[in-house]
N, C-alpha and C. Protein backbone atom coordinates (compact mmCIF):
# COMPACT_ATOMS: atom_id res chain seq x y z
N MET A 1 56.42 -3.72 17.24
CA MET A 1 56.47 -2.85 18.34
C MET A 1 57.39 -3.53 19.40
N SER A 2 58.45 -2.98 19.81
CA SER A 2 59.15 -3.55 21.03
C SER A 2 58.48 -3.51 22.24
N SER A 3 58.84 -4.60 22.89
CA SER A 3 58.06 -4.91 24.56
C SER A 3 58.74 -3.87 25.42
N ARG A 4 59.82 -3.19 24.96
CA ARG A 4 60.46 -2.37 25.83
C ARG A 4 59.84 -1.01 25.73
N VAL A 5 59.07 -0.53 24.73
CA VAL A 5 58.49 0.58 24.61
C VAL A 5 57.64 1.20 25.76
N CYS A 6 56.86 0.76 26.72
CA CYS A 6 56.26 1.19 27.52
C CYS A 6 56.38 0.27 28.86
N LYS A 7 57.28 0.36 29.58
CA LYS A 7 57.33 -0.74 30.90
C LYS A 7 56.87 0.31 31.91
N ILE A 8 56.53 1.49 31.78
CA ILE A 8 55.97 2.42 32.80
C ILE A 8 54.58 2.33 32.77
N PRO A 9 53.95 1.94 33.89
CA PRO A 9 52.38 1.80 33.92
C PRO A 9 51.52 3.00 33.91
N PHE A 10 50.37 2.89 33.25
CA PHE A 10 49.58 4.22 33.17
C PHE A 10 49.28 4.79 34.54
N GLN A 11 49.84 5.96 34.94
CA GLN A 11 49.57 6.44 36.29
C GLN A 11 48.76 7.93 36.33
N GLY A 12 47.51 7.71 35.65
CA GLY A 12 46.75 9.15 35.65
C GLY A 12 46.39 9.30 36.87
N THR A 13 45.98 10.59 37.15
CA THR A 13 45.44 10.91 38.37
C THR A 13 43.89 11.43 38.16
N GLU A 14 43.22 11.68 39.21
CA GLU A 14 41.89 11.99 39.34
C GLU A 14 41.79 13.36 38.66
N ASN A 15 42.75 14.33 39.14
CA ASN A 15 42.58 15.48 38.49
C ASN A 15 43.06 15.88 36.80
N GLN A 16 43.94 15.00 36.56
CA GLN A 16 43.96 14.89 35.24
C GLN A 16 42.83 14.21 34.48
N GLU A 17 42.21 13.27 35.11
CA GLU A 17 40.99 13.05 34.41
C GLU A 17 39.99 13.91 34.20
N ARG A 18 39.79 14.76 35.60
CA ARG A 18 38.56 15.77 35.36
C ARG A 18 38.93 16.85 34.20
N GLU A 19 40.11 17.37 34.37
CA GLU A 19 40.61 18.31 33.43
C GLU A 19 40.49 17.81 31.87
N LEU A 20 40.70 16.50 31.56
CA LEU A 20 40.37 15.83 30.29
C LEU A 20 38.89 16.02 29.96
N ARG A 21 38.28 15.41 30.93
CA ARG A 21 36.68 15.29 30.85
C ARG A 21 36.03 16.81 30.85
N ALA A 22 36.57 17.84 31.37
CA ALA A 22 36.11 19.19 31.19
C ALA A 22 36.45 19.73 29.84
N LEU A 23 37.70 19.42 29.38
CA LEU A 23 38.14 19.82 28.13
C LEU A 23 37.01 19.14 26.99
N ILE A 24 36.80 17.77 27.19
CA ILE A 24 36.06 17.12 26.02
C ILE A 24 34.81 17.89 26.15
N GLN A 25 34.02 18.16 27.18
CA GLN A 25 32.71 18.50 27.45
C GLN A 25 32.68 19.94 26.82
N ARG A 26 33.74 20.77 27.12
CA ARG A 26 33.79 22.31 26.26
C ARG A 26 33.79 22.13 24.71
N LEU A 27 34.49 20.89 24.20
CA LEU A 27 34.69 21.03 22.81
C LEU A 27 33.83 19.95 22.15
N ARG A 28 33.04 18.78 22.82
CA ARG A 28 32.41 17.87 22.23
C ARG A 28 31.23 18.77 21.23
N GLY A 29 31.05 18.13 20.10
CA GLY A 29 30.06 18.46 19.24
C GLY A 29 30.62 19.66 18.16
N GLN A 30 31.63 20.30 18.50
CA GLN A 30 32.24 21.13 17.61
C GLN A 30 33.06 20.55 16.27
N GLU A 31 32.94 21.00 15.34
CA GLU A 31 33.62 20.46 14.15
C GLU A 31 34.92 20.45 14.52
N GLY A 32 35.63 19.33 14.06
CA GLY A 32 37.09 19.32 14.16
C GLY A 32 37.40 19.23 15.79
N ALA A 33 36.89 18.75 16.54
CA ALA A 33 36.94 18.99 18.03
C ALA A 33 38.25 17.96 18.50
N LEU A 34 38.38 17.10 17.76
CA LEU A 34 39.28 15.43 17.99
C LEU A 34 40.62 16.13 17.92
N MET A 35 41.13 17.13 17.21
CA MET A 35 42.42 17.47 17.29
C MET A 35 42.70 18.21 18.50
N PRO A 36 42.01 19.25 18.77
CA PRO A 36 42.28 20.14 20.08
C PRO A 36 42.17 19.22 21.42
N VAL A 37 41.16 18.11 21.64
CA VAL A 37 41.02 17.32 22.17
C VAL A 37 42.32 16.23 22.45
N LEU A 38 42.78 15.89 21.43
CA LEU A 38 44.06 15.28 21.51
C LEU A 38 45.32 15.92 22.07
N GLN A 39 45.35 17.19 21.46
CA GLN A 39 46.24 18.02 21.95
C GLN A 39 46.46 18.35 23.27
N GLY A 40 45.17 18.66 23.75
CA GLY A 40 45.01 19.09 25.35
C GLY A 40 45.20 17.81 26.21
N ALA A 41 44.98 16.55 25.67
CA ALA A 41 45.11 15.36 26.37
C ALA A 41 46.53 15.03 26.66
N GLN A 42 47.32 15.20 25.53
CA GLN A 42 48.91 15.15 25.38
C GLN A 42 49.50 16.21 26.54
N GLU A 43 48.76 17.42 26.44
CA GLU A 43 49.46 18.34 27.51
C GLU A 43 49.19 18.05 28.83
N ILE A 44 47.90 17.41 29.12
CA ILE A 44 47.42 16.88 30.35
C ILE A 44 48.40 15.58 31.03
N TYR A 45 48.50 14.90 30.05
CA TYR A 45 49.10 13.40 30.53
C TYR A 45 50.64 13.38 30.02
N GLY A 46 51.23 14.15 29.20
CA GLY A 46 52.35 14.22 28.54
C GLY A 46 52.53 13.17 27.48
N TYR A 47 51.73 12.34 27.04
CA TYR A 47 51.49 11.36 25.99
C TYR A 47 50.01 10.60 25.91
N LEU A 48 49.81 10.01 24.97
CA LEU A 48 48.41 9.48 24.65
C LEU A 48 48.20 7.83 24.83
N PRO A 49 48.23 7.74 26.03
CA PRO A 49 47.93 6.17 26.33
C PRO A 49 46.57 5.65 25.82
N ILE A 50 46.58 4.50 25.68
CA ILE A 50 45.42 3.78 25.49
C ILE A 50 44.23 4.01 26.32
N GLU A 51 44.52 4.14 27.63
CA GLU A 51 43.34 4.56 28.60
C GLU A 51 42.90 6.03 28.39
N VAL A 52 43.76 6.82 27.98
CA VAL A 52 42.95 8.44 27.57
C VAL A 52 42.43 8.15 26.41
N MET A 53 43.09 7.41 25.32
CA MET A 53 42.06 7.43 23.87
C MET A 53 40.84 6.77 24.27
N GLU A 54 41.01 5.62 25.32
CA GLU A 54 39.48 5.30 25.65
C GLU A 54 38.54 6.04 26.31
N MET A 55 39.05 6.97 27.28
CA MET A 55 38.16 8.09 27.79
C MET A 55 37.61 8.98 26.54
N ILE A 56 38.37 9.44 25.69
CA ILE A 56 37.98 10.23 24.68
C ILE A 56 36.99 9.63 23.82
N SER A 57 37.13 8.35 23.42
CA SER A 57 36.30 7.49 22.59
C SER A 57 34.74 7.37 23.33
N THR A 58 34.94 7.12 24.61
CA THR A 58 33.55 7.09 25.37
C THR A 58 32.99 8.38 25.54
N ASP A 59 33.74 9.43 26.00
CA ASP A 59 32.96 10.66 26.19
C ASP A 59 32.80 11.54 24.99
N MET A 60 33.36 11.41 23.81
CA MET A 60 33.03 11.93 22.60
C MET A 60 32.13 11.02 21.75
N GLY A 61 31.72 9.92 22.01
CA GLY A 61 31.09 9.13 21.26
C GLY A 61 31.62 8.58 19.92
N MET A 62 32.99 8.45 19.82
CA MET A 62 33.56 8.09 18.51
C MET A 62 34.17 6.77 18.76
N PRO A 63 34.42 6.15 17.54
CA PRO A 63 35.20 4.80 17.84
C PRO A 63 36.67 4.97 18.16
N LEU A 64 37.09 4.26 18.86
CA LEU A 64 38.38 4.06 19.36
C LEU A 64 39.48 3.97 18.15
N GLU A 65 38.99 3.10 17.08
CA GLU A 65 39.82 3.19 16.00
C GLU A 65 40.13 4.62 15.32
N GLU A 66 39.06 5.21 15.34
CA GLU A 66 39.13 6.61 14.55
C GLU A 66 40.25 7.54 15.41
N ILE A 67 40.19 7.33 16.91
CA ILE A 67 41.19 8.12 17.65
C ILE A 67 42.45 7.73 17.37
N TYR A 68 42.69 6.47 17.49
CA TYR A 68 44.04 5.73 17.32
C TYR A 68 44.56 6.23 16.02
N GLY A 69 43.74 6.09 14.79
CA GLY A 69 44.30 6.54 13.65
C GLY A 69 44.62 7.96 13.59
N VAL A 70 43.94 8.95 14.19
CA VAL A 70 44.45 10.43 14.11
C VAL A 70 45.80 10.42 15.13
N ALA A 71 45.63 9.87 15.96
CA ALA A 71 46.87 9.75 17.06
C ALA A 71 48.21 9.28 16.41
N THR A 72 48.01 8.33 15.42
CA THR A 72 49.14 7.70 15.14
C THR A 72 49.55 8.26 13.54
N PHE A 73 48.61 8.99 13.06
CA PHE A 73 49.06 9.68 11.64
C PHE A 73 50.01 11.00 11.83
N TYR A 74 49.42 11.68 12.85
CA TYR A 74 50.19 12.92 13.26
C TYR A 74 51.39 12.73 14.27
N SER A 75 52.66 13.35 13.57
CA SER A 75 54.04 13.05 14.54
C SER A 75 54.05 13.76 15.77
N GLN A 76 53.02 14.95 15.89
CA GLN A 76 52.91 15.49 17.15
C GLN A 76 52.62 14.74 18.26
N PHE A 77 51.63 13.77 18.06
CA PHE A 77 51.40 12.83 19.05
C PHE A 77 52.37 11.74 19.57
N SER A 78 52.37 11.34 20.88
CA SER A 78 53.06 10.39 21.08
C SER A 78 52.39 9.37 21.96
N LEU A 79 52.29 8.04 21.64
CA LEU A 79 51.67 7.08 22.40
C LEU A 79 52.45 6.43 23.51
N ASN A 80 53.50 6.93 23.79
CA ASN A 80 54.52 6.32 24.75
C ASN A 80 55.01 7.48 25.64
N PRO A 81 55.19 6.92 26.97
CA PRO A 81 55.65 8.08 28.02
C PRO A 81 57.02 8.53 27.48
N LYS A 82 57.10 10.05 27.98
CA LYS A 82 58.65 10.42 27.64
C LYS A 82 59.12 10.40 28.99
N GLY A 83 60.72 10.29 28.95
CA GLY A 83 61.26 10.25 30.18
C GLY A 83 61.49 11.61 30.75
N ARG A 84 61.64 11.87 31.82
CA ARG A 84 62.25 13.09 32.66
C ARG A 84 63.08 14.00 31.72
N TYR A 85 64.24 13.10 31.25
CA TYR A 85 65.05 13.71 30.06
C TYR A 85 64.82 13.20 28.78
N LYS A 86 64.41 14.04 28.07
CA LYS A 86 63.96 13.82 26.40
C LYS A 86 65.18 14.02 25.69
N VAL A 87 65.75 13.06 25.30
CA VAL A 87 67.02 13.01 24.34
C VAL A 87 66.53 13.11 22.85
N SER A 88 66.87 14.10 22.10
CA SER A 88 66.73 13.89 20.76
C SER A 88 67.87 14.22 19.81
N VAL A 89 68.05 13.39 18.94
CA VAL A 89 69.41 13.38 18.28
C VAL A 89 68.88 14.00 16.66
N CYS A 90 69.66 14.87 16.18
CA CYS A 90 69.12 15.43 14.90
C CYS A 90 69.79 14.64 13.63
N LEU A 91 68.96 13.89 12.91
CA LEU A 91 69.55 13.11 11.80
C LEU A 91 69.34 13.72 10.44
N GLY A 92 69.22 14.96 10.42
CA GLY A 92 69.00 15.90 9.24
C GLY A 92 70.33 15.69 8.35
N THR A 93 70.44 16.10 7.26
CA THR A 93 71.41 15.94 6.43
C THR A 93 72.82 16.46 6.77
N ALA A 94 72.98 17.80 7.49
CA ALA A 94 74.03 18.17 8.01
C ALA A 94 74.63 17.38 9.09
N CYS A 95 73.54 16.95 9.99
CA CYS A 95 74.23 16.42 11.23
C CYS A 95 74.60 14.89 10.60
N TYR A 96 73.89 14.26 10.03
CA TYR A 96 74.05 12.84 9.61
C TYR A 96 75.30 12.64 8.81
N VAL A 97 75.63 13.65 7.74
CA VAL A 97 77.01 13.55 7.34
C VAL A 97 78.11 13.62 7.89
N LYS A 98 77.78 14.41 9.31
CA LYS A 98 79.04 14.62 10.10
C LYS A 98 79.01 13.54 11.60
N GLY A 99 78.21 12.41 11.28
CA GLY A 99 78.28 11.25 12.29
C GLY A 99 77.09 11.29 13.40
N SER A 100 76.04 11.87 13.07
CA SER A 100 75.04 11.82 13.87
C SER A 100 74.43 10.35 14.17
N GLY A 101 74.59 9.64 13.03
CA GLY A 101 74.26 8.30 13.10
C GLY A 101 74.79 7.37 14.23
N ASP A 102 76.20 7.61 14.24
CA ASP A 102 77.15 6.93 15.12
C ASP A 102 76.74 7.25 16.70
N VAL A 103 76.49 8.72 16.70
CA VAL A 103 76.23 9.42 18.18
C VAL A 103 74.81 8.65 18.47
N TYR A 104 73.71 8.56 17.70
CA TYR A 104 72.51 7.96 17.90
C TYR A 104 72.63 6.39 18.39
N ALA A 105 73.60 5.89 17.81
CA ALA A 105 73.64 4.31 18.05
C ALA A 105 74.23 4.09 19.34
N LYS A 106 75.17 4.95 19.61
CA LYS A 106 75.69 4.83 20.82
C LYS A 106 74.89 5.19 22.21
N LEU A 107 73.87 6.29 21.84
CA LEU A 107 72.86 6.76 22.67
C LEU A 107 71.92 5.35 23.10
N GLN A 108 71.60 4.78 21.76
CA GLN A 108 70.80 3.55 21.91
C GLN A 108 71.59 2.17 22.68
N GLU A 109 72.60 2.21 22.57
CA GLU A 109 73.72 1.46 23.52
C GLU A 109 73.68 1.67 24.75
N LYS A 110 73.96 2.86 25.13
CA LYS A 110 74.17 3.39 26.49
C LYS A 110 72.77 3.28 27.51
N LEU A 111 71.71 3.71 26.60
CA LEU A 111 70.55 3.75 27.25
C LEU A 111 69.75 2.52 27.51
N GLY A 112 70.07 1.72 26.46
CA GLY A 112 69.37 0.30 26.24
C GLY A 112 67.96 0.33 25.76
N ILE A 113 67.67 1.57 25.00
CA ILE A 113 66.50 1.60 24.35
C ILE A 113 66.48 1.95 23.11
N GLY A 114 65.68 1.91 22.08
CA GLY A 114 65.27 2.28 20.73
C GLY A 114 64.58 3.56 20.59
N SER A 115 64.71 4.13 19.38
CA SER A 115 63.78 5.27 19.06
C SER A 115 62.33 5.22 19.63
N GLY A 116 61.88 6.31 20.24
CA GLY A 116 60.77 6.29 20.46
C GLY A 116 60.33 5.59 22.10
N GLU A 117 61.32 5.10 22.57
CA GLU A 117 61.08 4.27 23.82
C GLU A 117 61.86 5.08 24.95
N CYS A 118 61.24 4.49 26.06
CA CYS A 118 61.55 5.47 27.53
C CYS A 118 62.37 4.25 28.42
N THR A 119 63.55 4.48 29.07
CA THR A 119 63.89 3.51 30.07
C THR A 119 63.16 3.16 31.03
N PRO A 120 63.16 2.01 31.37
CA PRO A 120 62.36 1.47 32.35
C PRO A 120 62.26 2.28 33.90
N ASP A 121 63.02 3.01 33.90
CA ASP A 121 63.13 3.87 35.09
C ASP A 121 62.24 5.28 34.88
N GLY A 122 62.12 5.50 33.73
CA GLY A 122 61.25 6.61 33.50
C GLY A 122 62.41 7.74 33.34
N GLU A 123 63.68 7.71 33.39
CA GLU A 123 64.37 8.87 33.40
C GLU A 123 64.95 9.51 31.99
N PHE A 124 64.79 8.51 31.04
CA PHE A 124 65.20 8.95 29.67
C PHE A 124 64.36 8.38 28.57
N SER A 125 64.12 9.27 27.65
CA SER A 125 63.50 8.69 26.36
C SER A 125 64.41 9.09 25.13
N LEU A 126 64.22 8.57 24.03
CA LEU A 126 65.21 8.66 22.96
C LEU A 126 64.20 8.87 21.63
N GLU A 127 64.70 9.82 20.79
CA GLU A 127 64.19 10.15 19.50
C GLU A 127 65.05 10.65 18.65
N ALA A 128 64.61 10.36 17.23
CA ALA A 128 65.38 10.97 16.12
C ALA A 128 64.62 12.29 15.66
N CYS A 129 65.21 13.31 15.37
CA CYS A 129 64.49 14.43 14.59
C CYS A 129 65.00 14.98 13.45
N ARG A 130 64.51 15.64 12.82
CA ARG A 130 64.94 16.30 11.23
C ARG A 130 65.43 17.69 11.74
N CYS A 131 66.16 18.25 11.18
CA CYS A 131 66.96 19.56 11.33
C CYS A 131 66.27 20.31 12.43
N ILE A 132 67.13 20.79 13.51
CA ILE A 132 66.71 21.64 14.49
C ILE A 132 67.41 22.95 14.38
N GLY A 133 67.94 23.28 13.13
CA GLY A 133 68.22 24.40 12.63
C GLY A 133 69.75 24.96 13.63
N ALA A 134 70.45 23.97 13.83
CA ALA A 134 71.85 24.12 14.27
C ALA A 134 72.52 23.58 13.68
N CYS A 135 72.88 23.69 12.23
CA CYS A 135 73.51 22.81 11.37
C CYS A 135 74.87 23.35 11.62
N GLY A 136 75.39 24.46 12.03
CA GLY A 136 76.69 24.85 12.11
C GLY A 136 77.41 23.97 13.39
N LEU A 137 76.45 23.27 14.15
CA LEU A 137 77.11 22.60 15.44
C LEU A 137 77.11 21.15 15.16
N ALA A 138 76.80 20.85 13.81
CA ALA A 138 76.68 19.44 13.56
C ALA A 138 77.64 18.62 13.96
N PRO A 139 77.63 17.36 14.52
CA PRO A 139 76.06 16.71 14.88
C PRO A 139 75.48 17.19 16.30
N VAL A 140 74.22 17.40 16.27
CA VAL A 140 73.61 17.91 17.29
C VAL A 140 72.38 17.00 18.13
N MET A 141 72.63 17.12 19.48
CA MET A 141 71.51 16.46 20.34
C MET A 141 71.04 17.52 21.18
N THR A 142 69.70 17.22 21.48
CA THR A 142 69.02 17.86 22.78
C THR A 142 68.62 17.08 23.72
N ILE A 143 68.97 17.62 24.95
CA ILE A 143 68.46 16.81 26.11
C ILE A 143 67.63 17.94 26.75
N ASN A 144 66.19 17.76 26.79
CA ASN A 144 65.28 18.82 27.25
C ASN A 144 65.53 20.09 26.48
N GLU A 145 65.94 21.23 27.19
CA GLU A 145 66.37 22.32 26.64
C GLU A 145 67.71 22.37 26.31
N ASP A 146 68.71 21.65 26.91
CA ASP A 146 70.02 21.73 26.56
C ASP A 146 70.52 21.31 25.27
N VAL A 147 71.48 22.06 24.49
CA VAL A 147 71.66 21.73 23.14
C VAL A 147 73.28 21.42 23.12
N TYR A 148 73.64 20.04 22.67
CA TYR A 148 75.03 19.68 22.50
C TYR A 148 75.34 19.58 21.09
N GLY A 149 76.23 19.97 20.67
CA GLY A 149 76.85 20.18 19.49
C GLY A 149 78.28 19.54 18.98
N ARG A 150 78.72 19.47 17.85
CA ARG A 150 80.18 18.93 17.38
C ARG A 150 80.37 17.62 18.31
N LEU A 151 79.26 16.75 18.20
CA LEU A 151 79.52 15.37 19.15
C LEU A 151 80.28 14.45 18.29
N VAL A 152 80.72 13.67 19.27
CA VAL A 152 81.30 12.32 18.72
C VAL A 152 80.70 11.46 19.79
N PRO A 153 80.86 10.15 19.58
CA PRO A 153 80.12 8.92 20.22
C PRO A 153 80.87 8.98 21.36
N ASP A 154 82.14 9.22 21.84
CA ASP A 154 82.75 9.06 22.94
C ASP A 154 82.43 10.22 23.92
N ASP A 155 81.53 11.29 23.47
CA ASP A 155 81.01 12.38 24.15
C ASP A 155 79.77 11.82 25.25
N ILE A 156 79.19 10.82 24.58
CA ILE A 156 77.81 10.43 25.10
C ILE A 156 77.82 9.89 26.62
N GLU A 157 78.74 9.23 27.02
CA GLU A 157 78.86 8.62 28.24
C GLU A 157 79.08 9.72 29.47
N GLY A 158 79.84 10.90 29.04
CA GLY A 158 80.05 11.97 29.91
C GLY A 158 78.77 12.92 30.04
N ILE A 159 78.13 12.89 28.98
CA ILE A 159 76.87 13.95 29.14
C ILE A 159 75.73 13.24 29.77
N LEU A 160 75.77 11.97 29.55
CA LEU A 160 74.46 11.43 30.35
C LEU A 160 74.88 11.15 31.72
N ALA A 161 75.88 11.03 32.10
CA ALA A 161 76.57 10.95 33.44
C ALA A 161 75.90 12.28 34.28
N LYS A 162 75.83 13.41 33.61
CA LYS A 162 75.54 14.92 34.12
C LYS A 162 74.06 14.59 34.59
N TYR A 163 73.19 13.88 33.85
CA TYR A 163 71.91 14.08 34.16
C TYR A 163 71.65 12.76 35.11
N ARG A 164 72.23 11.69 34.95
CA ARG A 164 71.91 10.38 36.01
C ARG A 164 72.43 11.00 37.32
N GLU A 165 73.41 11.94 37.58
CA GLU A 165 73.69 12.61 38.80
C GLU A 165 72.85 13.54 39.51
N ALA A 166 72.01 14.05 38.44
CA ALA A 166 71.24 15.08 38.76
C ALA A 166 69.88 14.76 39.95
């Protein structure tokens, strides 16, 4: 794992902790409670930092290793913070054959981060995804809810500039 993955320290609030503990209290003891607790924790915090998994472990009486194993097995969970702007590049077949790999490489270069990482200022996070269903616009990337299609690497700097100025 890269040392760049999480330069942003955990900044949970008392309200978030109260909300998580209430969720655990409501679900604890139910069969299969760990998945909805992890899903709820990620909704509350935006990701699943070790501090949150430790709270879940303590309050549910489960080994941290088991919680970590579930959190890392399912792709829906993120152990790293997401940036204010979540950049996702489609590397599905249609996008890849039309150059999304080069677009992705340019994003890594311009942002100075790799897949699953967040910029030190917390502004951008980067991830690859498989087909988002916009094959006719290949290659495609999204930034939060904004979709960009028919991209070439030279488009990246201008697109990122719009978000840096926001």
